[in-house]
Amino acid sequence: MTSKITKYNLIWVLSIAPILGLLLQALVSNLMAFDFHISFFIVLILNWGLAFQDMFRLRENGTNVSKLGSPIIIPIYLFKRAKLMKRFPIYSIIWSMSFIVMLSIPPDMIKEFAWSLTNWFMF
């Protein structure tokens, strides 16, 4: 049984989570003086946290999530979720494109952008 009341705001945030995680990673590495590459766990935690939260919301809304499996591999989880909800797998496509964009942006460019954001918010 699927719920018609399931909200889709969390799934849209999850679909762009690789880019959001990259920005968060850059901000944390700048503010806490971590190495940018070592703080990659922030991107993983954000993506997995949002995916597990989405799965728990689906379960609370009465959806049988046993067919979804574990949301550790995000694009597969999003594809199975779309199939379960009888929707086009746009979230999986957007997540995959966001992941490609995340990998294609040079770390120095992200760190400079994060510094400018940090300075903008501080003053």
N, C-alpha and C. Protein backbone atom coordinates (compact mmCIF):
# COMPACT_ATOMS: atom_id res chain seq x y z
N MET A 1 0.84 -1.18 0.00
CA MET A 1 0.00 0.00 0.00
C MET A 1 0.89 1.24 0.00
N THR A 2 0.65 2.15 -0.91
CA THR A 2 1.43 3.38 -0.96
C THR A 2 0.56 4.54 -0.50
N SER A 3 1.19 5.50 0.12
CA SER A 3 0.47 6.65 0.64
C SER A 3 0.44 7.75 -0.41
N LYS A 4 -0.69 8.39 -0.54
CA LYS A 4 -0.82 9.51 -1.47
C LYS A 4 -0.41 10.82 -0.80
N ILE A 5 -0.13 10.76 0.51
CA ILE A 5 0.19 11.97 1.25
C ILE A 5 1.69 12.16 1.39
N THR A 6 2.49 11.27 0.86
CA THR A 6 3.94 11.36 1.00
C THR A 6 4.44 12.68 0.43
N LYS A 7 5.18 13.40 1.25
CA LYS A 7 5.72 14.68 0.81
C LYS A 7 7.01 14.43 0.04
N TYR A 8 7.24 15.26 -0.95
CA TYR A 8 8.38 15.05 -1.83
C TYR A 8 9.50 16.05 -1.62
N ASN A 9 9.42 16.90 -0.61
CA ASN A 9 10.48 17.88 -0.42
C ASN A 9 11.80 17.22 -0.02
N LEU A 10 11.75 16.20 0.82
CA LEU A 10 12.97 15.52 1.25
C LEU A 10 13.64 14.80 0.08
N ILE A 11 12.87 14.20 -0.78
CA ILE A 11 13.44 13.46 -1.90
C ILE A 11 14.10 14.42 -2.91
N TRP A 12 13.56 15.63 -3.04
CA TRP A 12 14.20 16.61 -3.92
C TRP A 12 15.52 17.09 -3.32
N VAL A 13 15.55 17.26 -2.01
CA VAL A 13 16.82 17.64 -1.36
C VAL A 13 17.83 16.51 -1.53
N LEU A 14 17.38 15.26 -1.38
CA LEU A 14 18.27 14.12 -1.58
C LEU A 14 18.78 14.08 -3.01
N SER A 15 17.98 14.46 -3.97
CA SER A 15 18.42 14.37 -5.36
C SER A 15 19.55 15.36 -5.68
N ILE A 16 19.66 16.45 -4.93
CA ILE A 16 20.77 17.39 -5.13
C ILE A 16 21.78 17.34 -3.98
N ALA A 17 21.67 16.32 -3.14
CA ALA A 17 22.54 16.19 -1.96
C ALA A 17 24.02 16.10 -2.29
N PRO A 18 24.45 15.52 -3.41
CA PRO A 18 25.89 15.53 -3.68
C PRO A 18 26.47 16.95 -3.76
N ILE A 19 25.74 17.86 -4.39
CA ILE A 19 26.22 19.24 -4.51
C ILE A 19 26.12 19.95 -3.16
N LEU A 20 25.01 19.75 -2.44
CA LEU A 20 24.88 20.35 -1.12
C LEU A 20 25.95 19.82 -0.17
N GLY A 21 26.22 18.54 -0.25
CA GLY A 21 27.26 17.94 0.58
C GLY A 21 28.64 18.48 0.26
N LEU A 22 28.90 18.73 -1.01
CA LEU A 22 30.19 19.30 -1.41
C LEU A 22 30.36 20.70 -0.83
N LEU A 23 29.31 21.50 -0.87
CA LEU A 23 29.38 22.84 -0.28
C LEU A 23 29.56 22.77 1.23
N LEU A 24 28.83 21.86 1.87
CA LEU A 24 28.97 21.68 3.31
C LEU A 24 30.36 21.18 3.66
N GLN A 25 30.88 20.28 2.86
CA GLN A 25 32.24 19.77 3.06
C GLN A 25 33.26 20.91 2.98
N ALA A 26 33.10 21.77 2.00
CA ALA A 26 34.03 22.89 1.84
C ALA A 26 33.92 23.87 3.01
N LEU A 27 32.70 24.16 3.43
CA LEU A 27 32.53 25.08 4.56
C LEU A 27 33.13 24.51 5.83
N VAL A 28 32.88 23.24 6.10
CA VAL A 28 33.42 22.61 7.31
C VAL A 28 34.94 22.52 7.25
N SER A 29 35.47 22.17 6.09
CA SER A 29 36.94 22.07 5.99
C SER A 29 37.59 23.44 6.14
N ASN A 30 36.93 24.50 5.70
CA ASN A 30 37.48 25.84 5.88
C ASN A 30 37.36 26.32 7.32
N LEU A 31 36.21 26.11 7.93
CA LEU A 31 35.98 26.61 9.28
C LEU A 31 36.71 25.80 10.34
N MET A 32 36.83 24.50 10.14
CA MET A 32 37.44 23.64 11.14
C MET A 32 38.90 23.29 10.81
N ALA A 33 39.42 23.82 9.74
CA ALA A 33 40.80 23.59 9.30
C ALA A 33 41.09 22.11 9.04
N PHE A 34 40.09 21.41 8.48
CA PHE A 34 40.29 20.03 8.03
C PHE A 34 40.82 20.05 6.62
N ASP A 35 41.48 18.97 6.24
CA ASP A 35 41.85 18.80 4.85
C ASP A 35 40.58 18.52 4.05
N PHE A 36 40.46 19.15 2.91
CA PHE A 36 39.24 19.03 2.10
C PHE A 36 38.94 17.59 1.73
N HIS A 37 39.95 16.82 1.37
CA HIS A 37 39.74 15.44 0.94
C HIS A 37 39.43 14.50 2.10
N ILE A 38 39.93 14.81 3.27
CA ILE A 38 39.64 13.97 4.43
C ILE A 38 38.20 14.14 4.89
N SER A 39 37.63 15.31 4.68
CA SER A 39 36.27 15.57 5.15
C SER A 39 35.19 15.10 4.18
N PHE A 40 35.54 14.17 3.29
CA PHE A 40 34.56 13.64 2.33
C PHE A 40 33.44 12.87 3.02
N PHE A 41 33.69 12.42 4.26
CA PHE A 41 32.66 11.69 4.99
C PHE A 41 31.42 12.54 5.20
N ILE A 42 31.54 13.86 5.15
CA ILE A 42 30.38 14.74 5.32
C ILE A 42 29.39 14.53 4.18
N VAL A 43 29.89 14.38 2.97
CA VAL A 43 29.02 14.14 1.81
C VAL A 43 28.31 12.80 1.98
N LEU A 44 29.05 11.78 2.42
CA LEU A 44 28.44 10.46 2.61
C LEU A 44 27.37 10.49 3.69
N ILE A 45 27.68 11.11 4.82
CA ILE A 45 26.72 11.16 5.92
C ILE A 45 25.46 11.90 5.51
N LEU A 46 25.61 13.01 4.80
CA LEU A 46 24.44 13.77 4.34
C LEU A 46 23.57 12.92 3.41
N ASN A 47 24.18 12.29 2.42
CA ASN A 47 23.42 11.48 1.47
C ASN A 47 22.74 10.30 2.14
N TRP A 48 23.49 9.55 2.93
CA TRP A 48 22.90 8.39 3.60
C TRP A 48 21.85 8.80 4.62
N GLY A 49 22.10 9.88 5.33
CA GLY A 49 21.12 10.34 6.31
C GLY A 49 19.80 10.73 5.67
N LEU A 50 19.87 11.45 4.57
CA LEU A 50 18.64 11.83 3.86
C LEU A 50 17.93 10.61 3.27
N ALA A 51 18.69 9.66 2.76
CA ALA A 51 18.08 8.46 2.17
C ALA A 51 17.39 7.62 3.24
N PHE A 52 18.05 7.42 4.38
CA PHE A 52 17.43 6.66 5.46
C PHE A 52 16.21 7.39 6.02
N GLN A 53 16.30 8.72 6.13
CA GLN A 53 15.15 9.49 6.61
C GLN A 53 13.97 9.36 5.64
N ASP A 54 14.25 9.37 4.35
CA ASP A 54 13.19 9.19 3.36
C ASP A 54 12.55 7.81 3.50
N MET A 55 13.37 6.80 3.70
CA MET A 55 12.84 5.45 3.86
C MET A 55 11.98 5.34 5.11
N PHE A 56 12.41 5.97 6.20
CA PHE A 56 11.61 5.95 7.42
C PHE A 56 10.30 6.70 7.24
N ARG A 57 10.32 7.82 6.49
CA ARG A 57 9.07 8.55 6.22
C ARG A 57 8.11 7.71 5.39
N LEU A 58 8.65 7.03 4.39
CA LEU A 58 7.79 6.15 3.59
C LEU A 58 7.15 5.08 4.46
N ARG A 59 7.93 4.50 5.34
CA ARG A 59 7.42 3.45 6.24
C ARG A 59 6.33 4.02 7.16
N GLU A 60 6.55 5.22 7.69
CA GLU A 60 5.56 5.85 8.56
C GLU A 60 4.26 6.17 7.82
N ASN A 61 4.36 6.43 6.53
CA ASN A 61 3.17 6.74 5.73
C ASN A 61 2.46 5.49 5.23
N GLY A 62 2.95 4.32 5.62
CA GLY A 62 2.26 3.09 5.28
C GLY A 62 2.76 2.39 4.03
N THR A 63 3.88 2.81 3.49
CA THR A 63 4.43 2.18 2.30
C THR A 63 5.26 0.96 2.71
N ASN A 64 5.11 -0.13 2.00
CA ASN A 64 5.90 -1.33 2.26
C ASN A 64 7.28 -1.12 1.64
N VAL A 65 8.27 -0.85 2.48
CA VAL A 65 9.62 -0.53 1.99
C VAL A 65 10.53 -1.74 1.94
N SER A 66 10.00 -2.93 2.15
CA SER A 66 10.85 -4.12 2.13
C SER A 66 11.44 -4.39 0.75
N LYS A 67 10.78 -3.94 -0.31
CA LYS A 67 11.29 -4.13 -1.67
C LYS A 67 12.42 -3.16 -2.02
N LEU A 68 12.58 -2.11 -1.22
CA LEU A 68 13.60 -1.11 -1.52
C LEU A 68 15.00 -1.56 -1.15
N GLY A 69 15.12 -2.38 -0.14
CA GLY A 69 16.44 -2.76 0.33
C GLY A 69 17.07 -1.61 1.10
N SER A 70 18.36 -1.66 1.26
CA SER A 70 19.08 -0.64 2.01
C SER A 70 19.41 0.54 1.09
N PRO A 71 19.28 1.75 1.61
CA PRO A 71 19.60 2.92 0.77
C PRO A 71 21.07 3.31 0.79
N ILE A 72 21.97 2.34 0.91
CA ILE A 72 23.40 2.65 0.92
C ILE A 72 23.85 3.11 -0.47
N ILE A 73 23.40 2.44 -1.51
CA ILE A 73 23.73 2.86 -2.88
C ILE A 73 22.56 3.72 -3.36
N ILE A 74 22.74 5.01 -3.27
CA ILE A 74 21.65 5.98 -3.42
C ILE A 74 20.93 5.90 -4.78
N PRO A 75 21.62 5.87 -5.93
CA PRO A 75 20.86 5.86 -7.18
C PRO A 75 19.99 4.63 -7.35
N ILE A 76 20.46 3.48 -6.86
CA ILE A 76 19.63 2.27 -6.95
C ILE A 76 18.42 2.40 -6.03
N TYR A 77 18.65 2.93 -4.83
CA TYR A 77 17.53 3.16 -3.91
C TYR A 77 16.49 4.10 -4.54
N LEU A 78 16.96 5.19 -5.14
CA LEU A 78 16.03 6.15 -5.75
C LEU A 78 15.29 5.55 -6.93
N PHE A 79 15.97 4.72 -7.71
CA PHE A 79 15.30 4.06 -8.83
C PHE A 79 14.24 3.09 -8.33
N LYS A 80 14.58 2.29 -7.31
CA LYS A 80 13.60 1.36 -6.76
C LYS A 80 12.44 2.09 -6.10
N ARG A 81 12.74 3.23 -5.49
CA ARG A 81 11.69 4.03 -4.86
C ARG A 81 10.71 4.55 -5.90
N ALA A 82 11.24 5.04 -7.00
CA ALA A 82 10.38 5.55 -8.07
C ALA A 82 9.50 4.42 -8.63
N LYS A 83 10.09 3.25 -8.79
CA LYS A 83 9.33 2.11 -9.29
C LYS A 83 8.23 1.71 -8.30
N LEU A 84 8.57 1.70 -7.01
CA LEU A 84 7.59 1.36 -5.99
C LEU A 84 6.45 2.37 -5.93
N MET A 85 6.78 3.65 -6.09
CA MET A 85 5.77 4.71 -6.03
C MET A 85 5.09 4.94 -7.39
N LYS A 86 5.48 4.15 -8.39
CA LYS A 86 4.92 4.24 -9.74
C LYS A 86 5.12 5.64 -10.34
N ARG A 87 6.36 6.10 -10.26
CA ARG A 87 6.75 7.39 -10.81
C ARG A 87 7.96 7.23 -11.72
N PHE A 88 8.19 8.23 -12.53
CA PHE A 88 9.37 8.26 -13.38
C PHE A 88 10.60 8.47 -12.48
N PRO A 89 11.71 7.78 -12.72
CA PRO A 89 12.87 7.86 -11.81
C PRO A 89 13.69 9.15 -11.96
N ILE A 90 13.03 10.29 -11.94
CA ILE A 90 13.73 11.56 -12.13
C ILE A 90 14.69 11.85 -10.98
N TYR A 91 14.35 11.41 -9.76
CA TYR A 91 15.23 11.66 -8.62
C TYR A 91 16.56 10.95 -8.79
N SER A 92 16.52 9.73 -9.29
CA SER A 92 17.74 8.97 -9.52
C SER A 92 18.59 9.63 -10.61
N ILE A 93 17.94 10.12 -11.64
CA ILE A 93 18.65 10.79 -12.73
C ILE A 93 19.30 12.07 -12.23
N ILE A 94 18.56 12.87 -11.46
CA ILE A 94 19.09 14.13 -10.95
C ILE A 94 20.22 13.87 -9.96
N TRP A 95 20.06 12.85 -9.09
CA TRP A 95 21.14 12.53 -8.16
C TRP A 95 22.40 12.15 -8.92
N SER A 96 22.26 11.33 -9.96
CA SER A 96 23.42 10.90 -10.74
C SER A 96 24.09 12.09 -11.43
N MET A 97 23.29 13.00 -11.97
CA MET A 97 23.86 14.19 -12.60
C MET A 97 24.54 15.07 -11.56
N SER A 98 23.95 15.20 -10.38
CA SER A 98 24.56 15.98 -9.31
C SER A 98 25.88 15.36 -8.87
N PHE A 99 25.93 14.05 -8.83
CA PHE A 99 27.16 13.36 -8.45
C PHE A 99 28.25 13.60 -9.48
N ILE A 100 27.90 13.56 -10.75
CA ILE A 100 28.87 13.83 -11.82
C ILE A 100 29.37 15.27 -11.73
N VAL A 101 28.47 16.21 -11.49
CA VAL A 101 28.87 17.61 -11.32
C VAL A 101 29.80 17.75 -10.12
N MET A 102 29.45 17.06 -9.02
CA MET A 102 30.28 17.13 -7.82
C MET A 102 31.70 16.64 -8.11
N LEU A 103 31.82 15.57 -8.86
CA LEU A 103 33.14 15.03 -9.17
C LEU A 103 33.91 15.89 -10.17
N SER A 104 33.20 16.66 -10.98
CA SER A 104 33.87 17.44 -12.02
C SER A 104 34.34 18.81 -11.56
N ILE A 105 33.86 19.28 -10.41
CA ILE A 105 34.27 20.60 -9.93
C ILE A 105 35.59 20.46 -9.19
N PRO A 106 36.59 21.27 -9.55
CA PRO A 106 37.89 21.20 -8.87
C PRO A 106 37.76 21.61 -7.39
N PRO A 107 38.43 20.91 -6.50
CA PRO A 107 38.33 21.22 -5.07
C PRO A 107 38.75 22.65 -4.72
N ASP A 108 39.75 23.18 -5.41
CA ASP A 108 40.19 24.55 -5.12
C ASP A 108 39.09 25.56 -5.41
N MET A 109 38.34 25.33 -6.45
CA MET A 109 37.25 26.23 -6.80
C MET A 109 36.15 26.19 -5.73
N ILE A 110 35.86 25.00 -5.22
CA ILE A 110 34.86 24.86 -4.18
C ILE A 110 35.33 25.53 -2.88
N LYS A 111 36.60 25.34 -2.55
CA LYS A 111 37.13 25.96 -1.32
C LYS A 111 37.10 27.47 -1.41
N GLU A 112 37.42 28.04 -2.58
CA GLU A 112 37.36 29.49 -2.75
C GLU A 112 35.92 29.99 -2.63
N PHE A 113 35.00 29.25 -3.21
CA PHE A 113 33.59 29.63 -3.10
C PHE A 113 33.13 29.57 -1.65
N ALA A 114 33.56 28.54 -0.93
CA ALA A 114 33.18 28.41 0.48
C ALA A 114 33.79 29.54 1.31
N TRP A 115 35.02 29.95 1.00
CA TRP A 115 35.63 31.07 1.71
C TRP A 115 34.85 32.34 1.46
N SER A 116 34.44 32.57 0.23
CA SER A 116 33.67 33.78 -0.07
C SER A 116 32.32 33.75 0.63
N LEU A 117 31.69 32.56 0.71
CA LEU A 117 30.44 32.45 1.46
C LEU A 117 30.66 32.72 2.94
N THR A 118 31.73 32.16 3.48
CA THR A 118 32.03 32.35 4.90
C THR A 118 32.27 33.83 5.19
N ASN A 119 33.05 34.49 4.36
CA ASN A 119 33.32 35.92 4.57
C ASN A 119 32.07 36.74 4.39
N TRP A 120 31.21 36.36 3.47
CA TRP A 120 29.98 37.11 3.22
C TRP A 120 29.05 37.02 4.43
N PHE A 121 28.96 35.82 5.05
CA PHE A 121 28.08 35.64 6.20
C PHE A 121 28.68 36.25 7.48
N MET A 122 29.99 36.34 7.56
CA MET A 122 30.62 36.86 8.76
C MET A 122 30.52 38.39 8.85
N PHE A 123 30.43 39.05 7.70
CA PHE A 123 30.41 40.52 7.73
C PHE A 123 29.14 41.07 7.22
